[in-house]
Amino acid sequence: MPNSFAEELELFTTSKVYSPTQYLQVYGSGLPEENLIIRVFGPDESIAKFDQITTEKDGSFNYGLLSWPEPSINFPYGTYTVEVISTEQNGASQKIDIKFSSTTDLLDVTVERFVNTLVFAPETAAIGQPIRVFVQTTSDGLLIGGKPSELLGATHVHLPSGLSVTLTNAFKTLHQGLYYVDYTPIEEGTHVFHVVAFSQGTTSHGSAATNVLSQDLGGISDQIIKLNSILQETSGELDILKSEIAGFDSTLEQASNKIDESTGTISTSVEYISEASSQLNSLLFPIIASIGIIVALQITIIARRR
């Protein structure tokens, strides 16, 4: 794999895939009797092995770099990078990706880097209220770091209106492989955070959506509590009104009974008056008749005298 900046620096490995107990042998060429730095980067881009060697008089080198141990948290299975750096050719370097696996069968193992991106965003938010979005980047299960502006430089937010807002320089580092950004939504609707991670020539995408409301759940909860209080007060007022109506019903019933009693009394009085009127008529009729007879006799006497 010749470097375009230094034709006299080459790097090779005896295999592309290694399993535990196998030896990682590197060879190649540089300048005669040149000091070379050889580094092995783990899947998380941390330095797993560091050595310095000197090339032969003809510029060649052949070096046993390490014997692969049993997999552990320090040497997990995954994709590793071997790098040789020249100390005399303006820092020229060469890199080779190799695979540390449980098997060395090339048909089953692909020497490539797998970068995964996870995005954690709140499900709901409110307009004008800042929210925090977290991003995790891993390679072969290990956290990978770097400057967030370079690692996550293409990250953006899709707004409900269809516009996109870039977050290139907004991320901050929480820990290697863990980043966060504080974002304040200004539109109501669904916001999609599209995170693009780029590491070692490999791109990974991750997304998360947040539904932005006109107010947060705390405000809605306060309104619900207030509504419950009003409903309780209304319920109490209805109970009082119900009791008053119940008393009014009994009063109406008593009044109705009294009216019925009064009506009966009046009816009885009318009957008594009718009987009394009949008796009075029976008494007055003979008297009136006698008066009429007397008046008639008087008229007769007066007429005879004339």
Protein backbone atom coordinates (compact mmCIF):
# COMPACT_ATOMS: atom_id res chain seq x y z
CA MET A 1 0.00 0.00 0.00
CA PRO A 2 2.34 2.78 -1.16
CA ASN A 3 1.80 6.25 0.22
CA SER A 4 1.42 9.03 -2.34
CA PHE A 5 3.66 11.28 -0.27
CA ALA A 6 6.50 8.75 0.23
CA GLU A 7 7.17 6.00 -2.25
CA GLU A 8 9.91 4.61 0.01
CA LEU A 9 7.54 3.66 2.86
CA GLU A 10 5.61 0.40 2.62
CA LEU A 11 3.74 -1.70 5.18
CA PHE A 12 2.37 -5.24 5.03
CA THR A 13 1.07 -7.85 7.48
CA THR A 14 1.27 -11.63 7.20
CA SER A 15 -2.53 -11.93 7.42
CA LYS A 16 -5.70 -9.92 7.33
CA VAL A 17 -7.49 -11.87 10.07
CA TYR A 18 -6.02 -13.08 13.36
CA SER A 19 -7.30 -15.20 16.21
CA PRO A 20 -5.99 -15.56 19.79
CA THR A 21 -2.40 -16.89 20.20
CA GLN A 22 -1.49 -15.99 16.60
CA TYR A 23 1.40 -13.63 15.97
CA LEU A 24 1.02 -10.25 14.32
CA GLN A 25 4.02 -9.92 12.01
CA VAL A 26 4.60 -6.69 10.10
CA TYR A 27 7.11 -6.09 7.32
CA GLY A 28 7.88 -3.54 4.62
CA SER A 29 10.48 -0.96 3.72
CA GLY A 30 11.58 2.59 4.33
CA LEU A 31 14.77 4.54 4.13
CA PRO A 32 18.02 2.75 5.06
CA GLU A 33 18.52 2.60 8.84
CA GLU A 34 15.50 4.79 9.39
CA ASN A 35 13.68 4.98 12.71
CA LEU A 36 10.04 3.92 12.28
CA ILE A 37 7.20 4.14 14.78
CA ILE A 38 4.68 1.30 14.67
CA ARG A 39 1.31 1.66 16.39
CA VAL A 40 -1.71 -0.61 16.70
CA PHE A 41 -5.07 1.14 17.21
CA GLY A 42 -7.98 -0.70 18.76
CA PRO A 43 -11.59 -0.55 17.51
CA ASP A 44 -12.12 2.50 19.71
CA GLU A 45 -9.08 4.21 18.12
CA SER A 46 -7.07 3.95 21.34
CA ILE A 47 -3.42 2.82 21.06
CA ALA A 48 -3.24 -0.87 21.93
CA LYS A 49 0.46 -1.31 21.06
CA PHE A 50 3.34 1.09 20.44
CA ASP A 51 6.89 0.20 19.28
CA GLN A 52 9.86 1.85 17.58
CA ILE A 53 12.18 -0.02 15.20
CA THR A 54 15.06 0.71 12.83
CA THR A 55 15.15 -0.49 9.26
CA GLU A 56 17.99 -2.51 7.83
CA LYS A 57 20.72 -1.04 5.64
CA ASP A 58 18.61 -1.80 2.58
CA GLY A 59 15.60 -0.11 4.20
CA SER A 60 13.63 -3.29 4.85
CA PHE A 61 12.09 -4.36 8.15
CA ASN A 62 10.37 -7.49 9.49
CA TYR A 63 9.06 -7.28 13.03
CA GLY A 64 6.94 -9.39 15.35
CA LEU A 65 4.64 -6.80 16.79
CA LEU A 66 2.51 -8.83 19.23
CA SER A 67 1.01 -12.19 20.03
CA TRP A 68 -2.77 -11.84 20.12
CA PRO A 69 -4.07 -12.52 23.65
CA GLU A 70 -7.40 -13.99 24.62
CA PRO A 71 -10.15 -11.41 24.03
CA SER A 72 -10.64 -9.01 26.92
CA ILE A 73 -11.89 -5.51 27.60
CA ASN A 74 -8.47 -4.23 26.53
CA PHE A 75 -8.23 -6.50 23.46
CA PRO A 76 -11.79 -7.22 22.27
CA TYR A 77 -12.64 -8.76 18.94
CA GLY A 78 -12.99 -6.19 16.19
CA THR A 79 -11.16 -4.20 13.54
CA TYR A 80 -7.68 -2.94 14.40
CA THR A 81 -5.40 -0.57 12.49
CA VAL A 82 -1.66 -1.03 12.13
CA GLU A 83 0.22 2.17 11.32
CA VAL A 84 3.88 2.77 10.52
CA ILE A 85 5.19 6.35 10.72
CA SER A 86 8.45 7.59 9.21
CA THR A 87 10.58 9.89 11.35
CA GLU A 88 12.57 11.17 8.37
CA GLN A 89 10.06 11.46 5.53
CA ASN A 90 8.04 14.43 6.80
CA GLY A 91 5.90 12.23 9.01
CA ALA A 92 4.77 10.00 6.15
CA SER A 93 2.71 7.01 7.28
CA GLN A 94 1.02 3.85 6.06
CA LYS A 95 -1.98 2.07 7.57
CA ILE A 96 -3.51 -1.41 7.26
CA ASP A 97 -6.80 -2.59 8.76
CA ILE A 98 -6.80 -6.10 10.20
CA LYS A 99 -9.39 -8.16 12.00
CA PHE A 100 -9.11 -9.82 15.41
CA SER A 101 -11.69 -12.59 15.43
CA SER A 102 -12.53 -15.99 16.87
CA THR A 103 -11.91 -17.49 13.42
CA THR A 104 -9.40 -16.81 10.66
CA ASP A 105 -11.67 -17.95 7.85
CA LEU A 106 -11.75 -15.08 5.38
CA LEU A 107 -15.04 -16.33 4.00
CA ASP A 108 -16.71 -15.69 7.36
CA VAL A 109 -14.85 -12.57 8.45
CA THR A 110 -14.90 -9.27 6.59
CA VAL A 111 -12.13 -6.83 7.32
CA GLU A 112 -14.05 -3.63 7.62
CA ARG A 113 -14.96 -1.16 10.29
CA PHE A 114 -18.52 -0.99 11.66
CA VAL A 115 -19.45 2.37 13.18
CA ASN A 116 -22.72 2.61 15.05
CA THR A 117 -24.47 5.81 16.07
CA LEU A 118 -27.18 6.02 18.73
CA VAL A 119 -29.22 9.16 19.35
CA PHE A 120 -31.14 9.86 22.56
CA ALA A 121 -33.67 12.71 22.41
CA PRO A 122 -36.72 13.47 24.62
CA GLU A 123 -40.05 12.32 23.24
CA THR A 124 -41.77 15.64 23.94
CA ALA A 125 -40.64 19.24 24.41
CA ALA A 126 -42.05 22.76 24.45
CA ILE A 127 -41.44 25.75 22.22
CA GLY A 128 -38.79 28.03 23.67
CA GLN A 129 -37.62 25.43 26.22
CA PRO A 130 -34.09 24.00 25.64
CA ILE A 131 -33.70 20.23 25.37
CA ARG A 132 -30.55 18.09 25.50
CA VAL A 133 -29.82 15.46 22.85
CA PHE A 134 -27.17 12.78 23.49
CA VAL A 135 -25.16 10.89 20.86
CA GLN A 136 -23.12 7.72 21.28
CA THR A 137 -20.63 6.55 18.65
CA THR A 138 -19.08 3.08 18.71
CA SER A 139 -16.91 0.90 16.50
CA ASP A 140 -17.18 -2.85 16.98
CA GLY A 141 -18.92 -2.18 20.28
CA LEU A 142 -16.30 0.24 21.65
CA LEU A 143 -16.72 3.97 22.14
CA ILE A 144 -14.83 6.00 19.57
CA GLY A 145 -13.84 9.60 20.13
CA GLY A 146 -12.55 12.61 18.31
CA LYS A 147 -13.40 16.26 17.86
CA PRO A 148 -17.19 16.49 17.69
CA SER A 149 -16.97 19.12 14.94
CA GLU A 150 -15.15 16.56 12.78
CA LEU A 151 -16.83 13.36 13.96
CA LEU A 152 -20.38 14.78 13.89
CA GLY A 153 -19.88 17.67 11.49
CA ALA A 154 -22.74 16.75 9.15
CA THR A 155 -25.39 16.49 11.86
CA HIS A 156 -28.58 18.55 11.41
CA VAL A 157 -32.20 18.92 12.52
CA HIS A 158 -35.22 18.57 10.21
CA LEU A 159 -37.88 21.09 11.28
CA PRO A 160 -41.66 20.62 10.85
CA SER A 161 -41.63 23.43 8.28
CA GLY A 162 -39.27 21.42 6.07
CA LEU A 163 -36.17 23.47 6.81
CA SER A 164 -32.91 22.00 8.16
CA VAL A 165 -30.70 23.49 10.87
CA THR A 166 -27.06 22.39 11.04
CA LEU A 167 -25.46 21.43 14.36
CA THR A 168 -21.88 21.29 13.07
CA ASN A 169 -20.26 23.22 15.90
CA ALA A 170 -22.91 22.74 18.56
CA PHE A 171 -21.87 19.40 20.07
CA LYS A 172 -19.86 19.12 23.28
CA THR A 173 -17.91 16.11 24.57
CA LEU A 174 -19.29 14.37 27.62
CA HIS A 175 -16.89 11.43 27.37
CA GLN A 176 -15.00 9.68 24.61
CA GLY A 177 -17.72 8.49 22.26
CA LEU A 178 -20.45 10.36 24.17
CA TYR A 179 -21.57 13.79 23.04
CA TYR A 180 -24.47 16.15 23.68
CA VAL A 181 -26.06 19.24 22.20
CA ASP A 182 -28.53 21.71 23.74
CA TYR A 183 -31.21 22.74 21.26
CA THR A 184 -34.12 25.16 21.68
CA PRO A 185 -37.06 24.45 19.33
CA ILE A 186 -38.92 27.40 17.85
CA GLU A 187 -41.59 25.50 15.91
CA GLU A 188 -44.44 23.28 17.01
CA GLY A 189 -44.44 19.77 15.55
CA THR A 190 -42.06 16.86 15.01
CA HIS A 191 -38.32 17.63 15.00
CA VAL A 192 -36.01 14.92 13.61
CA PHE A 193 -32.40 14.94 14.79
CA HIS A 194 -30.28 13.36 12.04
CA VAL A 195 -26.81 12.54 13.35
CA VAL A 196 -24.08 11.66 10.85
CA ALA A 197 -20.86 10.21 12.27
CA PHE A 198 -17.71 9.89 10.16
CA SER A 199 -14.72 7.93 11.46
CA GLN A 200 -11.79 6.25 9.71
CA GLY A 201 -13.47 6.62 6.34
CA THR A 202 -16.73 5.01 7.56
CA THR A 203 -20.04 6.83 7.85
CA SER A 204 -22.84 5.96 10.26
CA HIS A 205 -26.28 7.50 10.63
CA GLY A 206 -28.61 7.76 13.60
CA SER A 207 -31.91 9.57 14.11
CA ALA A 208 -34.36 10.46 16.87
CA ALA A 209 -37.60 12.44 16.83
CA THR A 210 -39.03 14.90 19.36
CA ASN A 211 -42.62 16.14 19.34
CA VAL A 212 -42.61 19.84 20.24
CA LEU A 213 -45.78 21.19 21.88
CA SER A 214 -46.93 24.72 22.60
CA GLN A 215 -46.14 24.10 26.26
CA ASP A 216 -44.41 21.42 28.25
CA LEU A 217 -46.01 18.62 30.24
CA GLY A 218 -45.47 20.55 33.46
CA GLY A 219 -47.74 23.35 32.27
CA ILE A 220 -50.36 20.87 31.07
CA SER A 221 -50.18 19.08 34.42
CA ASP A 222 -50.74 22.38 36.27
CA GLN A 223 -53.78 23.08 34.11
CA ILE A 224 -55.16 19.60 34.80
CA ILE A 225 -54.67 20.12 38.56
CA LYS A 226 -56.42 23.49 38.33
CA LEU A 227 -59.26 21.96 36.32
CA ASN A 228 -59.64 19.18 38.90
CA SER A 229 -59.85 21.81 41.64
CA ILE A 230 -62.55 23.70 39.74
CA LEU A 231 -64.47 20.48 39.15
CA GLN A 232 -64.29 19.64 42.86
CA GLU A 233 -65.62 23.11 43.75
CA THR A 234 -68.40 22.72 41.19
CA SER A 235 -69.26 19.30 42.59
CA GLY A 236 -69.51 20.80 46.08
CA GLU A 237 -71.80 23.58 44.80
CA LEU A 238 -73.98 20.99 43.07
CA ASP A 239 -74.29 19.01 46.31
CA ILE A 240 -75.41 22.15 48.16
CA LEU A 241 -77.91 22.98 45.40
CA LYS A 242 -79.18 19.41 45.50
CA SER A 243 -79.78 19.60 49.24
CA GLU A 244 -81.55 22.96 48.85
CA ILE A 245 -83.73 21.57 46.08
CA ALA A 246 -84.57 18.56 48.28
CA GLY A 247 -85.74 20.94 51.07
CA PHE A 248 -87.70 22.96 48.53
CA ASP A 249 -89.48 19.79 47.39
CA SER A 250 -90.58 19.00 50.94
CA THR A 251 -91.77 22.60 51.37
CA LEU A 252 -93.80 22.38 48.15
CA GLU A 253 -95.29 19.10 49.30
CA GLN A 254 -96.31 20.64 52.62
CA ALA A 255 -97.77 23.68 50.84
CA SER A 256 -99.68 21.40 48.47
CA ASN A 257 -101.10 19.45 51.39
CA LYS A 258 -102.14 22.70 53.10
CA ILE A 259 -103.78 23.94 49.91
CA ASP A 260 -105.67 20.66 49.64
CA GLU A 261 -106.78 21.05 53.26
CA SER A 262 -107.82 24.68 52.67
CA THR A 263 -109.74 23.69 49.54
CA GLY A 264 -111.61 21.03 51.52
CA THR A 265 -112.44 23.53 54.25
CA ILE A 266 -113.70 26.07 51.75
CA SER A 267 -115.87 23.41 50.09
CA THR A 268 -117.36 22.49 53.46
CA SER A 269 -118.02 26.16 54.23
CA VAL A 270 -119.79 26.61 50.91
CA GLU A 271 -122.03 23.64 51.73
CA TYR A 272 -122.79 25.15 55.13
CA ILE A 273 -123.62 28.51 53.54
CA SER A 274 -125.91 26.82 51.02
CA GLU A 275 -127.77 25.01 53.80
CA ALA A 276 -128.05 28.19 55.83
CA SER A 277 -129.40 30.03 52.79
CA SER A 278 -132.06 27.37 52.30
CA GLN A 279 -133.08 27.55 55.94
CA LEU A 280 -133.22 31.36 55.80
CA ASN A 281 -135.41 31.25 52.72
CA SER A 282 -137.76 28.83 54.44
CA LEU A 283 -138.06 31.20 57.40
CA LEU A 284 -138.49 34.41 55.44
CA PHE A 285 -141.06 33.11 52.91
CA PRO A 286 -144.05 32.92 55.43
CA ILE A 287 -143.16 36.33 56.85
CA ILE A 288 -143.04 37.93 53.43
CA ALA A 289 -146.29 36.24 52.51
CA SER A 290 -147.99 37.57 55.69
CA ILE A 291 -146.71 41.06 54.98
CA GLY A 292 -148.16 40.81 51.50
CA ILE A 293 -151.57 39.78 52.84
CA ILE A 294 -151.57 42.61 55.39
CA VAL A 295 -150.66 45.14 52.70
CA ALA A 296 -153.48 43.84 50.48
CA LEU A 297 -156.07 44.15 53.31
CA GLN A 298 -154.98 47.70 54.02
CA ILE A 299 -155.42 48.63 50.41
CA THR A 300 -158.94 47.10 50.40
CA ILE A 301 -160.01 49.02 53.54
CA ILE A 302 -158.77 52.31 52.14
CA ALA A 303 -160.60 51.75 48.88
CA ARG A 304 -163.97 51.12 50.60
CA ARG A 305 -163.72 54.26 52.63
CA ARG A 306 -163.45 56.36 49.49
